[in-house]
Structures are given as structure tokens and as C-alpha cells.
PDB file of N, CA and C in Angstrom:
ATOM      1  N   MET A   1      37.808  58.326  58.238  1.00  0.00           N
ATOM      2  CA  MET A   1      37.169  57.059  57.769  1.00  0.00           C
ATOM      3  C   MET A   1      38.342  56.373  56.728  1.00  0.00           C
ATOM      4  N   LEU A   2      38.541  55.134  56.874  1.00  0.00           N
ATOM      5  CA  LEU A   2      39.735  54.249  56.042  1.00  0.00           C
ATOM      6  C   LEU A   2      39.285  54.526  54.570  1.00  0.00           C
ATOM      7  N   THR A   3      40.399  54.422  53.865  1.00  0.00           N
ATOM      8  CA  THR A   3      39.814  54.354  52.605  1.00  0.00           C
ATOM      9  C   THR A   3      40.557  52.828  52.128  1.00  0.00           C
ATOM     10  N   LYS A   4      40.470  52.396  50.987  1.00  0.00           N
ATOM     11  CA  LYS A   4      40.493  51.482  50.526  1.00  0.00           C
ATOM     12  C   LYS A   4      42.172  51.820  50.279  1.00  0.00           C
ATOM     13  N   LYS A   5      43.032  52.726  50.082  1.00  0.00           N
ATOM     14  CA  LYS A   5      44.021  52.615  50.083  1.00  0.00           C
ATOM     15  C   LYS A   5      44.879  53.184  51.481  1.00  0.00           C
ATOM     16  N   ASP A   6      44.198  53.422  52.379  1.00  0.00           N
ATOM     17  CA  ASP A   6      44.961  53.425  53.693  1.00  0.00           C
ATOM     18  C   ASP A   6      44.969  52.277  54.581  1.00  0.00           C
ATOM     19  N   THR A   7      46.035  51.914  55.392  1.00  0.00           N
ATOM     20  CA  THR A   7      46.098  51.374  56.327  1.00  0.00           C
ATOM     21  C   THR A   7      46.230  51.547  58.054  1.00  0.00           C
ATOM     22  N   PHE A   8      45.839  50.485  59.018  1.00  0.00           N
ATOM     23  CA  PHE A   8      45.975  51.343  60.197  1.00  0.00           C
ATOM     24  C   PHE A   8      47.633  51.577  60.274  1.00  0.00           C
ATOM     25  N   ALA A   9      47.661  52.892  60.901  1.00  0.00           N
ATOM     26  CA  ALA A   9      49.015  53.286  60.878  1.00  0.00           C
ATOM     27  C   ALA A   9      49.865  51.959  62.092  1.00  0.00           C
ATOM     28  N   PHE A  10      51.291  51.681  61.572  1.00  0.00           N
ATOM     29  CA  PHE A  10      52.281  51.182  62.723  1.00  0.00           C
ATOM     30  C   PHE A  10      53.487  51.998  63.307  1.00  0.00           C
ATOM     31  N   PRO A  11      53.364  51.671  64.237  1.00  0.00           N
ATOM     32  CA  PRO A  11      52.517  51.427  65.387  1.00  0.00           C
ATOM     33  C   PRO A  11      51.097  51.701  65.426  1.00  0.00           C
ATOM     34  N   PHE A  12      50.173  50.991  65.784  1.00  0.00           N
ATOM     35  CA  PHE A  12      49.074  50.968  65.815  1.00  0.00           C
ATOM     36  C   PHE A  12      48.710  51.973  66.895  1.00  0.00           C
ATOM     37  N   ALA A  13      47.672  53.066  66.515  1.00  0.00           N
ATOM     38  CA  ALA A  13      47.498  54.653  67.558  1.00  0.00           C
ATOM     39  C   ALA A  13      46.380  54.852  67.410  1.00  0.00           C
ATOM     40  N   ILE A  14      45.838  55.618  68.121  1.00  0.00           N
ATOM     41  CA  ILE A  14      44.746  56.540  68.135  1.00  0.00           C
ATOM     42  C   ILE A  14      45.105  57.762  67.751  1.00  0.00           C
ATOM     43  N   ASP A  15      44.163  58.408  66.918  1.00  0.00           N
ATOM     44  CA  ASP A  15      44.742  60.202  66.730  1.00  0.00           C
ATOM     45  C   ASP A  15      43.684  60.626  67.469  1.00  0.00           C
ATOM     46  N   ASP A  16      44.210  61.901  67.265  1.00  0.00           N
ATOM     47  CA  ASP A  16      43.341  62.866  68.746  1.00  0.00           C
ATOM     48  C   ASP A  16      42.101  63.084  68.643  1.00  0.00           C
ATOM     49  N   ILE A  17      41.014  62.717  67.378  1.00  0.00           N
ATOM     50  CA  ILE A  17      39.549  62.892  67.704  1.00  0.00           C
ATOM     51  C   ILE A  17      39.420  61.526  68.191  1.00  0.00           C
ATOM     52  N   GLY A  18      40.203  60.620  68.496  1.00  0.00           N
ATOM     53  CA  GLY A  18      39.758  59.335  68.796  1.00  0.00           C
ATOM     54  C   GLY A  18      39.754  58.310  67.864  1.00  0.00           C
ATOM     55  N   ARG A  19      39.917  58.562  66.395  1.00  0.00           N
ATOM     56  CA  ARG A  19      39.650  57.255  65.944  1.00  0.00           C
ATOM     57  C   ARG A  19      40.822  56.528  65.328  1.00  0.00           C
ATOM     58  N   ILE A  20      40.912  55.320  64.872  1.00  0.00           N
ATOM     59  CA  ILE A  20      42.189  54.645  64.732  1.00  0.00           C
ATOM     60  C   ILE A  20      42.803  55.415  63.621  1.00  0.00           C
ATOM     61  N   SER A  21      44.262  55.865  63.895  1.00  0.00           N
ATOM     62  CA  SER A  21      44.664  56.259  62.675  1.00  0.00           C
ATOM     63  C   SER A  21      45.446  55.428  62.112  1.00  0.00           C
ATOM     64  N   ALA A  22      45.544  55.945  60.527  1.00  0.00           N
ATOM     65  CA  ALA A  22      45.396  55.441  59.496  1.00  0.00           C
ATOM     66  C   ALA A  22      46.960  56.312  58.837  1.00  0.00           C
ATOM     67  N   GLN A  23      47.442  55.414  57.898  1.00  0.00           N
ATOM     68  CA  GLN A  23      48.143  55.913  56.851  1.00  0.00           C
ATOM     69  C   GLN A  23      48.153  55.388  55.360  1.00  0.00           C
ATOM     70  N   GLY A  24      48.516  56.197  54.383  1.00  0.00           N
ATOM     71  CA  GLY A  24      48.357  55.828  53.145  1.00  0.00           C
ATOM     72  C   GLY A  24      49.758  56.119  52.598  1.00  0.00           C
ATOM     73  N   GLY A  25      49.537  55.781  50.857  1.00  0.00           N
ATOM     74  CA  GLY A  25      50.524  55.799  50.366  1.00  0.00           C
ATOM     75  C   GLY A  25      52.038  55.443  50.680  1.00  0.00           C
ATOM     76  N   ASP A  26      53.056  56.574  50.571  1.00  0.00           N
ATOM     77  CA  ASP A  26      54.392  55.573  50.962  1.00  0.00           C
ATOM     78  C   ASP A  26      54.762  55.274  52.453  1.00  0.00           C
ATOM     79  N   GLU A  27      53.830  56.179  53.638  1.00  0.00           N
ATOM     80  CA  GLU A  27      54.302  55.616  54.679  1.00  0.00           C
ATOM     81  C   GLU A  27      53.810  54.176  55.581  1.00  0.00           C
ATOM     82  N   ALA A  28      52.925  53.973  54.333  1.00  0.00           N
ATOM     83  CA  ALA A  28      52.376  52.738  54.810  1.00  0.00           C
ATOM     84  C   ALA A  28      52.659  51.631  54.392  1.00  0.00           C
ATOM     85  N   ILE A  29      53.494  51.678  53.032  1.00  0.00           N
ATOM     86  CA  ILE A  29      54.384  50.586  52.262  1.00  0.00           C
ATOM     87  C   ILE A  29      56.035  50.264  53.333  1.00  0.00           C
ATOM     88  N   ARG A  30      56.241  51.747  53.759  1.00  0.00           N
ATOM     89  CA  ARG A  30      57.271  51.808  54.702  1.00  0.00           C
ATOM     90  C   ARG A  30      56.874  50.973  55.972  1.00  0.00           C
ATOM     91  N   GLY A  31      56.112  51.223  56.773  1.00  0.00           N
ATOM     92  CA  GLY A  31      55.471  50.403  57.646  1.00  0.00           C
ATOM     93  C   GLY A  31      55.506  49.077  57.648  1.00  0.00           C
ATOM     94  N   LYS A  32      54.784  48.547  56.175  1.00  0.00           N
ATOM     95  CA  LYS A  32      54.703  47.263  56.226  1.00  0.00           C
ATOM     96  C   LYS A  32      56.033  46.551  55.718  1.00  0.00           C
ATOM     97  N   ILE A  33      57.121  47.348  55.629  1.00  0.00           N
ATOM     98  CA  ILE A  33      58.503  46.865  55.182  1.00  0.00           C
ATOM     99  C   ILE A  33      59.374  46.570  56.797  1.00  0.00           C
ATOM    100  N   ILE A  34      58.959  47.784  57.299  1.00  0.00           N
ATOM    101  CA  ILE A  34      59.437  47.308  58.508  1.00  0.00           C
ATOM    102  C   ILE A  34      58.721  46.125  59.397  1.00  0.00           C
ATOM    103  N   GLN A  35      57.754  46.322  59.582  1.00  0.00           N
ATOM    104  CA  GLN A  35      56.478  45.180  59.920  1.00  0.00           C
ATOM    105  C   GLN A  35      57.270  43.425  59.742  1.00  0.00           C
ATOM    106  N   VAL A  36      57.639  43.399  58.356  1.00  0.00           N
ATOM    107  CA  VAL A  36      58.227  42.386  57.797  1.00  0.00           C
ATOM    108  C   VAL A  36      59.821  42.234  58.199  1.00  0.00           C
ATOM    109  N   LEU A  37      60.444  43.100  58.136  1.00  0.00           N
ATOM    110  CA  LEU A  37      62.113  43.125  58.756  1.00  0.00           C
ATOM    111  C   LEU A  37      62.085  42.381  60.112  1.00  0.00           C
ATOM    112  N   PHE A  38      61.133  43.431  61.116  1.00  0.00           N
ATOM    113  CA  PHE A  38      61.194  43.303  62.507  1.00  0.00           C
ATOM    114  C   PHE A  38      60.306  42.366  62.609  1.00  0.00           C
ATOM    115  N   THR A  39      59.789  41.477  62.234  1.00  0.00           N
ATOM    116  CA  THR A  39      58.937  40.416  62.853  1.00  0.00           C
ATOM    117  C   THR A  39      59.521  38.890  63.045  1.00  0.00           C
ATOM    118  N   ALA A  40      59.623  38.188  63.653  1.00  0.00           N
ATOM    119  CA  ALA A  40      60.798  37.165  63.541  1.00  0.00           C
ATOM    120  C   ALA A  40      59.023  35.672  63.266  1.00  0.00           C
ATOM    121  N   PRO A  41      59.662  34.922  62.054  1.00  0.00           N
ATOM    122  CA  PRO A  41      59.177  33.993  61.833  1.00  0.00           C
ATOM    123  C   PRO A  41      58.195  33.198  62.955  1.00  0.00           C
ATOM    124  N   GLY A  42      57.137  32.899  63.738  1.00  0.00           N
ATOM    125  CA  GLY A  42      56.812  32.267  64.441  1.00  0.00           C
ATOM    126  C   GLY A  42      56.022  33.153  65.469  1.00  0.00           C
ATOM    127  N   GLU A  43      56.591  34.139  65.263  1.00  0.00           N
ATOM    128  CA  GLU A  43      55.823  35.495  66.038  1.00  0.00           C
ATOM    129  C   GLU A  43      54.405  35.508  66.245  1.00  0.00           C
ATOM    130  N   ARG A  44      53.625  35.448  65.100  1.00  0.00           N
ATOM    131  CA  ARG A  44      52.395  35.919  64.690  1.00  0.00           C
ATOM    132  C   ARG A  44      51.652  34.140  65.078  1.00  0.00           C
ATOM    133  N   VAL A  45      50.621  34.222  65.596  1.00  0.00           N
ATOM    134  CA  VAL A  45      50.371  32.976  65.954  1.00  0.00           C
ATOM    135  C   VAL A  45      49.390  32.759  64.424  1.00  0.00           C
ATOM    136  N   ASN A  46      48.536  33.462  64.045  1.00  0.00           N
ATOM    137  CA  ASN A  46      47.845  32.880  62.592  1.00  0.00           C
ATOM    138  C   ASN A  46      48.659  33.086  61.670  1.00  0.00           C
ATOM    139  N   MET A  47      49.873  33.371  61.717  1.00  0.00           N
ATOM    140  CA  MET A  47      50.478  33.953  60.235  1.00  0.00           C
ATOM    141  C   MET A  47      52.245  33.384  60.687  1.00  0.00           C
ATOM    142  N   PRO A  48      52.496  32.159  60.766  1.00  0.00           N
ATOM    143  CA  PRO A  48      53.580  31.482  62.003  1.00  0.00           C
ATOM    144  C   PRO A  48      54.677  31.564  60.468  1.00  0.00           C
ATOM    145  N   THR A  49      54.721  31.969  59.110  1.00  0.00           N
ATOM    146  CA  THR A  49      55.787  32.299  58.372  1.00  0.00           C
ATOM    147  C   THR A  49      55.789  33.512  58.480  1.00  0.00           C
ATOM    148  N   PHE A  50      55.171  34.752  58.527  1.00  0.00           N
ATOM    149  CA  PHE A  50      55.493  36.122  58.801  1.00  0.00           C
ATOM    150  C   PHE A  50      56.806  36.107  59.171  1.00  0.00           C
ATOM    151  N   GLY A  51      57.502  37.344  58.139  1.00  0.00           N
ATOM    152  CA  GLY A  51      58.473  38.011  58.512  1.00  0.00           C
ATOM    153  C   GLY A  51      59.842  37.375  58.072  1.00  0.00           C
ATOM    154  N   CYS A  52      61.003  37.847  58.408  1.00  0.00           N
ATOM    155  CA  CYS A  52      62.177  37.316  57.742  1.00  0.00           C
ATOM    156  C   CYS A  52      63.541  36.790  58.759  1.00  0.00           C
ATOM    157  N   GLY A  53      63.015  36.794  59.870  1.00  0.00           N
ATOM    158  CA  GLY A  53      64.201  36.286  60.623  1.00  0.00           C
ATOM    159  C   GLY A  53      65.575  37.317  61.155  1.00  0.00           C
ATOM    160  N   LEU A  54      65.144  38.490  60.826  1.00  0.00           N
ATOM    161  CA  LEU A  54      66.436  39.739  60.488  1.00  0.00           C
ATOM    162  C   LEU A  54      67.312  39.604  62.012  1.00  0.00           C
ATOM    163  N   PHE A  55      66.255  39.472  63.181  1.00  0.00           N
ATOM    164  CA  PHE A  55      67.187  39.626  64.441  1.00  0.00           C
ATOM    165  C   PHE A  55      67.720  38.579  64.660  1.00  0.00           C
ATOM    166  N   ASN A  56      67.456  37.372  64.282  1.00  0.00           N
ATOM    167  CA  ASN A  56      68.302  36.111  64.181  1.00  0.00           C
ATOM    168  C   ASN A  56      69.884  36.043  63.961  1.00  0.00           C
ATOM    169  N   LEU A  57      69.706  36.808  62.932  1.00  0.00           N
ATOM    170  CA  LEU A  57      71.190  37.030  62.370  1.00  0.00           C
ATOM    171  C   LEU A  57      72.205  38.114  63.449  1.00  0.00           C
ATOM    172  N   VAL A  58      71.618  38.869  64.483  1.00  0.00           N
ATOM    173  CA  VAL A  58      72.360  40.390  65.125  1.00  0.00           C
ATOM    174  C   VAL A  58      73.187  39.668  65.670  1.00  0.00           C
ATOM    175  N   PHE A  59      73.655  38.348  66.547  1.00  0.00           N
ATOM    176  CA  PHE A  59      74.527  38.120  66.867  1.00  0.00           C
ATOM    177  C   PHE A  59      75.438  37.476  66.047  1.00  0.00           C
ATOM    178  N   GLU A  60      75.869  37.307  65.022  1.00  0.00           N
ATOM    179  CA  GLU A  60      76.394  36.542  63.982  1.00  0.00           C
ATOM    180  C   GLU A  60      78.101  37.639  63.695  1.00  0.00           C
ATOM    181  N   PRO A  61      79.024  37.335  63.111  1.00  0.00           N
ATOM    182  CA  PRO A  61      79.620  37.971  62.966  1.00  0.00           C
ATOM    183  C   PRO A  61      80.130  39.355  61.996  1.00  0.00           C
ATOM    184  N   ASN A  62      79.903  40.517  62.028  1.00  0.00           N
ATOM    185  CA  ASN A  62      79.583  41.402  61.173  1.00  0.00           C
ATOM    186  C   ASN A  62      80.813  41.583  59.954  1.00  0.00           C
ATOM    187  N   ASN A  63      80.452  40.897  58.836  1.00  0.00           N
ATOM    188  CA  ASN A  63      81.431  40.738  57.630  1.00  0.00           C
ATOM    189  C   ASN A  63      80.573  40.141  56.554  1.00  0.00           C
ATOM    190  N   MET A  64      81.181  40.066  55.310  1.00  0.00           N
ATOM    191  CA  MET A  64      80.274  39.666  53.704  1.00  0.00           C
ATOM    192  C   MET A  64      79.479  38.647  54.049  1.00  0.00           C
ATOM    193  N   VAL A  65      79.559  37.610  55.006  1.00  0.00           N
ATOM    194  CA  VAL A  65      79.024  36.406  54.701  1.00  0.00           C
ATOM    195  C   VAL A  65      77.659  37.045  55.618  1.00  0.00           C
ATOM    196  N   LEU A  66      77.622  37.218  56.370  1.00  0.00           N
ATOM    197  CA  LEU A  66      76.532  38.073  57.119  1.00  0.00           C
ATOM    198  C   LEU A  66      75.915  39.183  56.102  1.00  0.00           C
ATOM    199  N   ALA A  67      76.319  40.488  55.548  1.00  0.00           N
ATOM    200  CA  ALA A  67      75.454  40.872  54.424  1.00  0.00           C
ATOM    201  C   ALA A  67      75.184  39.949  53.668  1.00  0.00           C
ATOM    202  N   THR A  68      75.832  39.165  52.732  1.00  0.00           N
ATOM    203  CA  THR A  68      74.920  38.008  52.093  1.00  0.00           C
ATOM    204  C   THR A  68      73.798  37.445  52.589  1.00  0.00           C
ATOM    205  N   ALA A  69      73.691  37.081  53.683  1.00  0.00           N
ATOM    206  CA  ALA A  69      72.550  36.443  54.205  1.00  0.00           C
ATOM    207  C   ALA A  69      71.774  37.110  54.155  1.00  0.00           C
ATOM    208  N   MET A  70      72.144  38.646  54.837  1.00  0.00           N
ATOM    209  CA  MET A  70      70.926  39.471  54.945  1.00  0.00           C
ATOM    210  C   MET A  70      70.312  40.132  53.728  1.00  0.00           C
ATOM    211  N   GLU A  71      71.215  40.400  52.766  1.00  0.00           N
ATOM    212  CA  GLU A  71      70.386  40.579  51.394  1.00  0.00           C
ATOM    213  C   GLU A  71      69.194  39.170  50.797  1.00  0.00           C
ATOM    214  N   PHE A  72      69.858  37.901  51.055  1.00  0.00           N
ATOM    215  CA  PHE A  72      68.882  37.180  50.599  1.00  0.00           C
ATOM    216  C   PHE A  72      67.847  37.287  51.835  1.00  0.00           C
ATOM    217  N   THR A  73      67.985  36.801  52.934  1.00  0.00           N
ATOM    218  CA  THR A  73      66.829  36.647  53.741  1.00  0.00           C
ATOM    219  C   THR A  73      65.738  38.048  53.448  1.00  0.00           C
ATOM    220  N   VAL A  74      66.327  39.110  53.611  1.00  0.00           N
ATOM    221  CA  VAL A  74      65.450  40.283  53.439  1.00  0.00           C
ATOM    222  C   VAL A  74      64.513  40.354  51.765  1.00  0.00           C
ATOM    223  N   GLY A  75      65.290  39.740  51.009  1.00  0.00           N
ATOM    224  CA  GLY A  75      64.841  40.325  49.674  1.00  0.00           C
ATOM    225  C   GLY A  75      63.456  38.783  49.705  1.00  0.00           C
ATOM    226  N   GLN A  76      64.163  38.051  49.995  1.00  0.00           N
ATOM    227  CA  GLN A  76      63.180  36.407  50.093  1.00  0.00           C
ATOM    228  C   GLN A  76      61.482  37.097  50.756  1.00  0.00           C
ATOM    229  N   ALA A  77      61.944  37.475  51.901  1.00  0.00           N
ATOM    230  CA  ALA A  77      60.496  37.642  52.916  1.00  0.00           C
ATOM    231  C   ALA A  77      60.001  38.898  52.175  1.00  0.00           C
ATOM    232  N   LEU A  78      60.369  40.233  51.483  1.00  0.00           N
ATOM    233  CA  LEU A  78      59.738  41.350  50.700  1.00  0.00           C
ATOM    234  C   LEU A  78      58.968  40.630  50.073  1.00  0.00           C
ATOM    235  N   SER A  79      59.891  39.885  49.180  1.00  0.00           N
ATOM    236  CA  SER A  79      59.285  39.328  47.600  1.00  0.00           C
ATOM    237  C   SER A  79      57.974  38.353  47.971  1.00  0.00           C
ATOM    238  N   ARG A  80      57.857  38.041  49.042  1.00  0.00           N
ATOM    239  CA  ARG A  80      57.253  37.227  49.526  1.00  0.00           C
ATOM    240  C   ARG A  80      55.608  37.836  49.809  1.00  0.00           C
ATOM    241  N   TRP A  81      55.842  38.776  51.353  1.00  0.00           N
ATOM    242  CA  TRP A  81      54.835  39.170  51.946  1.00  0.00           C
ATOM    243  C   TRP A  81      54.535  40.723  51.029  1.00  0.00           C
ATOM    244  N   LEU A  82      55.260  41.076  50.831  1.00  0.00           N
ATOM    245  CA  LEU A  82      54.762  42.873  50.171  1.00  0.00           C
ATOM    246  C   LEU A  82      54.557  42.349  48.220  1.00  0.00           C
ATOM    247  N   ASP A  83      54.432  41.385  47.713  1.00  0.00           N
ATOM    248  CA  ASP A  83      54.330  41.033  46.834  1.00  0.00           C
ATOM    249  C   ASP A  83      53.368  42.138  45.864  1.00  0.00           C
ATOM    250  N   ASP A  84      52.064  42.078  46.937  1.00  0.00           N
ATOM    251  CA  ASP A  84      50.595  42.779  45.936  1.00  0.00           C
ATOM    252  C   ASP A  84      50.721  44.583  45.902  1.00  0.00           C
ATOM    253  N   ASP A  85      51.742  44.818  46.641  1.00  0.00           N
ATOM    254  CA  ASP A  85      52.290  46.206  47.074  1.00  0.00           C
ATOM    255  C   ASP A  85      53.631  47.065  46.291  1.00  0.00           C
ATOM    256  N   ILE A  86      54.420  46.311  46.160  1.00  0.00           N
ATOM    257  CA  ILE A  86      56.091  46.521  45.786  1.00  0.00           C
ATOM    258  C   ILE A  86      56.088  45.226  44.440  1.00  0.00           C
ATOM    259  N   ILE A  87      57.145  45.891  43.820  1.00  0.00           N
ATOM    260  CA  ILE A  87      58.290  44.830  42.826  1.00  0.00           C
ATOM    261  C   ILE A  87      59.633  45.356  43.612  1.00  0.00           C
ATOM    262  N   LEU A  88      60.392  44.500  44.115  1.00  0.00           N
ATOM    263  CA  LEU A  88      61.768  44.549  44.786  1.00  0.00           C
ATOM    264  C   LEU A  88      62.934  44.412  43.446  1.00  0.00           C
ATOM    265  N   ASP A  89      63.201  46.039  43.621  1.00  0.00           N
ATOM    266  CA  ASP A  89      64.420  46.282  42.857  1.00  0.00           C
ATOM    267  C   ASP A  89      65.645  45.862  43.543  1.00  0.00           C
ATOM    268  N   GLY A  90      66.060  45.429  44.691  1.00  0.00           N
ATOM    269  CA  GLY A  90      66.990  44.822  45.224  1.00  0.00           C
ATOM    270  C   GLY A  90      67.135  45.479  46.657  1.00  0.00           C
ATOM    271  N   VAL A  91      68.387  44.587  47.110  1.00  0.00           N
ATOM    272  CA  VAL A  91      68.402  44.824  48.392  1.00  0.00           C
ATOM    273  C   VAL A  91      70.096  44.848  48.682  1.00  0.00           C
ATOM    274  N   ASP A  92      70.394  46.156  49.395  1.00  0.00           N
ATOM    275  CA  ASP A  92      71.852  45.914  49.407  1.00  0.00           C
ATOM    276  C   ASP A  92      72.079  46.391  50.875  1.00  0.00           C
ATOM    277  N   VAL A  93      73.138  45.291  51.495  1.00  0.00           N
ATOM    278  CA  VAL A  93      73.478  45.185  52.842  1.00  0.00           C
ATOM    279  C   VAL A  93      75.285  45.705  52.923  1.00  0.00           C
ATOM    280  N   THR A  94      75.120  46.722  53.962  1.00  0.00           N
ATOM    281  CA  THR A  94      76.744  46.924  53.669  1.00  0.00           C
ATOM    282  C   THR A  94      76.931  46.986  55.219  1.00  0.00           C
ATOM    283  N   SER A  95      78.227  46.409  55.854  1.00  0.00           N
ATOM    284  CA  SER A  95      78.611  46.526  57.090  1.00  0.00           C
ATOM    285  C   SER A  95      80.183  47.282  57.040  1.00  0.00           C
ATOM    286  N   LEU A  96      79.761  48.020  58.100  1.00  0.00           N
ATOM    287  CA  LEU A  96      81.062  49.035  58.407  1.00  0.00           C
ATOM    288  C   LEU A  96      81.375  49.128  59.966  1.00  0.00           C
ATOM    289  N   GLU A  97      82.446  48.328  60.425  1.00  0.00           N
ATOM    290  CA  GLU A  97      82.899  48.160  62.064  1.00  0.00           C
ATOM    291  C   GLU A  97      81.523  47.727  62.691  1.00  0.00           C
ATOM    292  N   GLU A  98      80.678  48.076  63.667  1.00  0.00           N
ATOM    293  CA  GLU A  98      79.750  47.956  63.740  1.00  0.00           C
ATOM    294  C   GLU A  98      78.060  48.013  63.487  1.00  0.00           C
ATOM    295  N   THR A  99      77.979  48.828  62.466  1.00  0.00           N
ATOM    296  CA  THR A  99      76.758  49.125  61.588  1.00  0.00           C
ATOM    297  C   THR A  99      76.707  48.553  60.835  1.00  0.00           C
ATOM    298  N   ILE A 100      75.195  48.216  60.729  1.00  0.00           N
ATOM    299  CA  ILE A 100      74.841  47.438  59.469  1.00  0.00           C
ATOM    300  C   ILE A 100      73.562  48.265  58.754  1.00  0.00           C
ATOM    301  N   THR A 101      74.229  48.509  57.658  1.00  0.00           N
ATOM    302  CA  THR A 101      72.909  49.318  56.844  1.00  0.00           C
ATOM    303  C   THR A 101      71.917  48.847  55.773  1.00  0.00           C
ATOM    304  N   ILE A 102      71.018  48.688  55.892  1.00  0.00           N
ATOM    305  CA  ILE A 102      70.354  47.440  54.874  1.00  0.00           C
ATOM    306  C   ILE A 102      69.493  49.065  53.680  1.00  0.00           C
ATOM    307  N   GLU A 103      69.798  48.565  52.699  1.00  0.00           N
ATOM    308  CA  GLU A 103      68.936  50.105  51.698  1.00  0.00           C
ATOM    309  C   GLU A 103      68.169  49.111  50.884  1.00  0.00           C
ATOM    310  N   ILE A 104      66.874  49.118  50.952  1.00  0.00           N
ATOM    311  CA  ILE A 104      65.627  48.426  50.371  1.00  0.00           C
ATOM    312  C   ILE A 104      65.206  49.309  49.056  1.00  0.00           C
ATOM    313  N   ALA A 105      65.449  48.713  47.488  1.00  0.00           N
ATOM    314  CA  ALA A 105      64.892  49.516  46.360  1.00  0.00           C
ATOM    315  C   ALA A 105      63.686  48.700  45.741  1.00  0.00           C
ATOM    316  N   TYR A 106      62.743  49.586  45.827  1.00  0.00           N
ATOM    317  CA  TYR A 106      61.601  49.272  45.240  1.00  0.00           C
ATOM    318  C   TYR A 106      60.702  50.070  44.464  1.00  0.00           C
ATOM    319  N   THR A 107      59.946  48.954  43.708  1.00  0.00           N
ATOM    320  CA  THR A 107      58.840  50.283  42.866  1.00  0.00           C
ATOM    321  C   THR A 107      57.659  49.911  43.338  1.00  0.00           C
ATOM    322  N   LYS A 108      57.001  51.130  43.475  1.00  0.00           N
ATOM    323  CA  LYS A 108      55.512  51.053  43.878  1.00  0.00           C
ATOM    324  C   LYS A 108      54.620  50.297  42.749  1.00  0.00           C
ATOM    325  N   LYS A 109      53.892  49.156  42.967  1.00  0.00           N
ATOM    326  CA  LYS A 109      52.914  49.082  41.936  1.00  0.00           C
ATOM    327  C   LYS A 109      51.614  49.874  41.422  1.00  0.00           C
ATOM    328  N   GLU A 110      51.469  50.641  42.345  1.00  0.00           N
ATOM    329  CA  GLU A 110      50.320  51.274  42.508  1.00  0.00           C
ATOM    330  C   GLU A 110      50.342  52.518  41.152  1.00  0.00           C
ATOM    331  N   ASP A 111      51.599  52.962  41.359  1.00  0.00           N
ATOM    332  CA  ASP A 111      51.834  54.180  40.388  1.00  0.00           C
ATOM    333  C   ASP A 111      53.227  53.758  39.729  1.00  0.00           C
ATOM    334  N   LEU A 112      53.775  52.995  39.739  1.00  0.00           N
ATOM    335  CA  LEU A 112      55.314  52.660  39.511  1.00  0.00           C
ATOM    336  C   LEU A 112      56.466  53.548  39.670  1.00  0.00           C
ATOM    337  N   SER A 113      56.408  54.528  41.130  1.00  0.00           N
ATOM    338  CA  SER A 113      57.396  54.979  41.221  1.00  0.00           C
ATOM    339  C   SER A 113      58.326  54.339  42.006  1.00  0.00           C
ATOM    340  N   LYS A 114      59.704  55.010  41.971  1.00  0.00           N
ATOM    341  CA  LYS A 114      60.818  54.067  42.686  1.00  0.00           C
ATOM    342  C   LYS A 114      60.748  54.720  43.704  1.00  0.00           C
ATOM    343  N   LYS A 115      61.245  53.839  44.696  1.00  0.00           N
ATOM    344  CA  LYS A 115      61.305  54.419  46.181  1.00  0.00           C
ATOM    345  C   LYS A 115      62.824  53.515  46.762  1.00  0.00           C
ATOM    346  N   GLN A 116      63.046  53.858  48.091  1.00  0.00           N
ATOM    347  CA  GLN A 116      64.040  53.433  48.876  1.00  0.00           C
ATOM    348  C   GLN A 116      63.502  53.388  50.367  1.00  0.00           C
ATOM    349  N   VAL A 117      64.560  52.167  50.993  1.00  0.00           N
ATOM    350  CA  VAL A 117      64.091  52.677  52.194  1.00  0.00           C
ATOM    351  C   VAL A 117      65.862  52.176  52.804  1.00  0.00           C
ATOM    352  N   ARG A 118      66.033  52.947  53.776  1.00  0.00           N
ATOM    353  CA  ARG A 118      67.237  52.817  54.195  1.00  0.00           C
ATOM    354  C   ARG A 118      67.286  52.875  55.949  1.00  0.00           C
ATOM    355  N   ILE A 119      67.603  51.629  56.577  1.00  0.00           N
ATOM    356  CA  ILE A 119      67.555  51.022  57.632  1.00  0.00           C
ATOM    357  C   ILE A 119      69.308  51.150  58.318  1.00  0.00           C
ATOM    358  N   HIS A 120      69.624  51.662  59.789  1.00  0.00           N
ATOM    359  CA  HIS A 120      70.796  51.305  60.124  1.00  0.00           C
ATOM    360  C   HIS A 120      70.313  49.964  61.425  1.00  0.00           C
ATOM    361  N   PHE A 121      71.430  49.658  61.496  1.00  0.00           N
ATOM    362  CA  PHE A 121      71.782  48.471  62.774  1.00  0.00           C
ATOM    363  C   PHE A 121      73.153  48.962  63.301  1.00  0.00           C
ATOM    364  N   ARG A 122      73.307  49.262  65.081  1.00  0.00           N
ATOM    365  CA  ARG A 122      74.179  48.856  65.405  1.00  0.00           C
ATOM    366  C   ARG A 122      74.546  48.224  66.479  1.00  0.00           C
TER     367      ARG A 122
END
């Protein structure tokens, strides 16, 4: 049974006994962060502004301008869509050759613990 702290697992799944798979705590927040990052605005019919458009920047030159644009875009989207769950402490984007690394530092509002998520793109 889902509790108030649980959310549906992402990606959506059915567990071993046929119930909807749920997750709570840090995994739920990480899943929400990934949903915001990987959803393009306009992709959701009932929430056309949801997401951050990160993949719109994929074909741009990998340089400091792209890193700065990504920091701004990701920071704005996470602050807007996850404001009930986290306090965004910072977004750091580094580019090295063909790899872009996004590091998101946040504080969970539930218990004020500091966490971070790191995502690599090639």
C-alpha cells in the first residue's frame, strides 16, 4: 500500500506480487529530478510547461556557454517543479571533451539532509 511519503516508481513498474511499484525517500526525489531533466516542455499534454528542455541543448557546441545555459535551465526547472520537496543548493555543469556532467546539490525539505545527484551525458 502506498503511503503519503511514497510515490509511483519511475519508470512505472509492477512489483513481484502484482502491485504498483512504489518508492520513497531519496529514490523518489532522484526519480522526480530525472523526470524534470528528461522531459521536454510540451511533452506532457496536461502540463505543457513541465520539464527543462535539456535535450534541446544536445546539439549545441560543448563549451562554457552551453554549461552556463544548462546550469540556468536546470536550476530554474528544478526550483519551479520540485519546490515542495527540495531546496536547490546549486547546479554545476562541467564539460570535458565529449562528456557533460551535471551535479545537482539539494537539501531535502522533509529532514533538511543535504544530497546530490550527478548525471553524465556523452
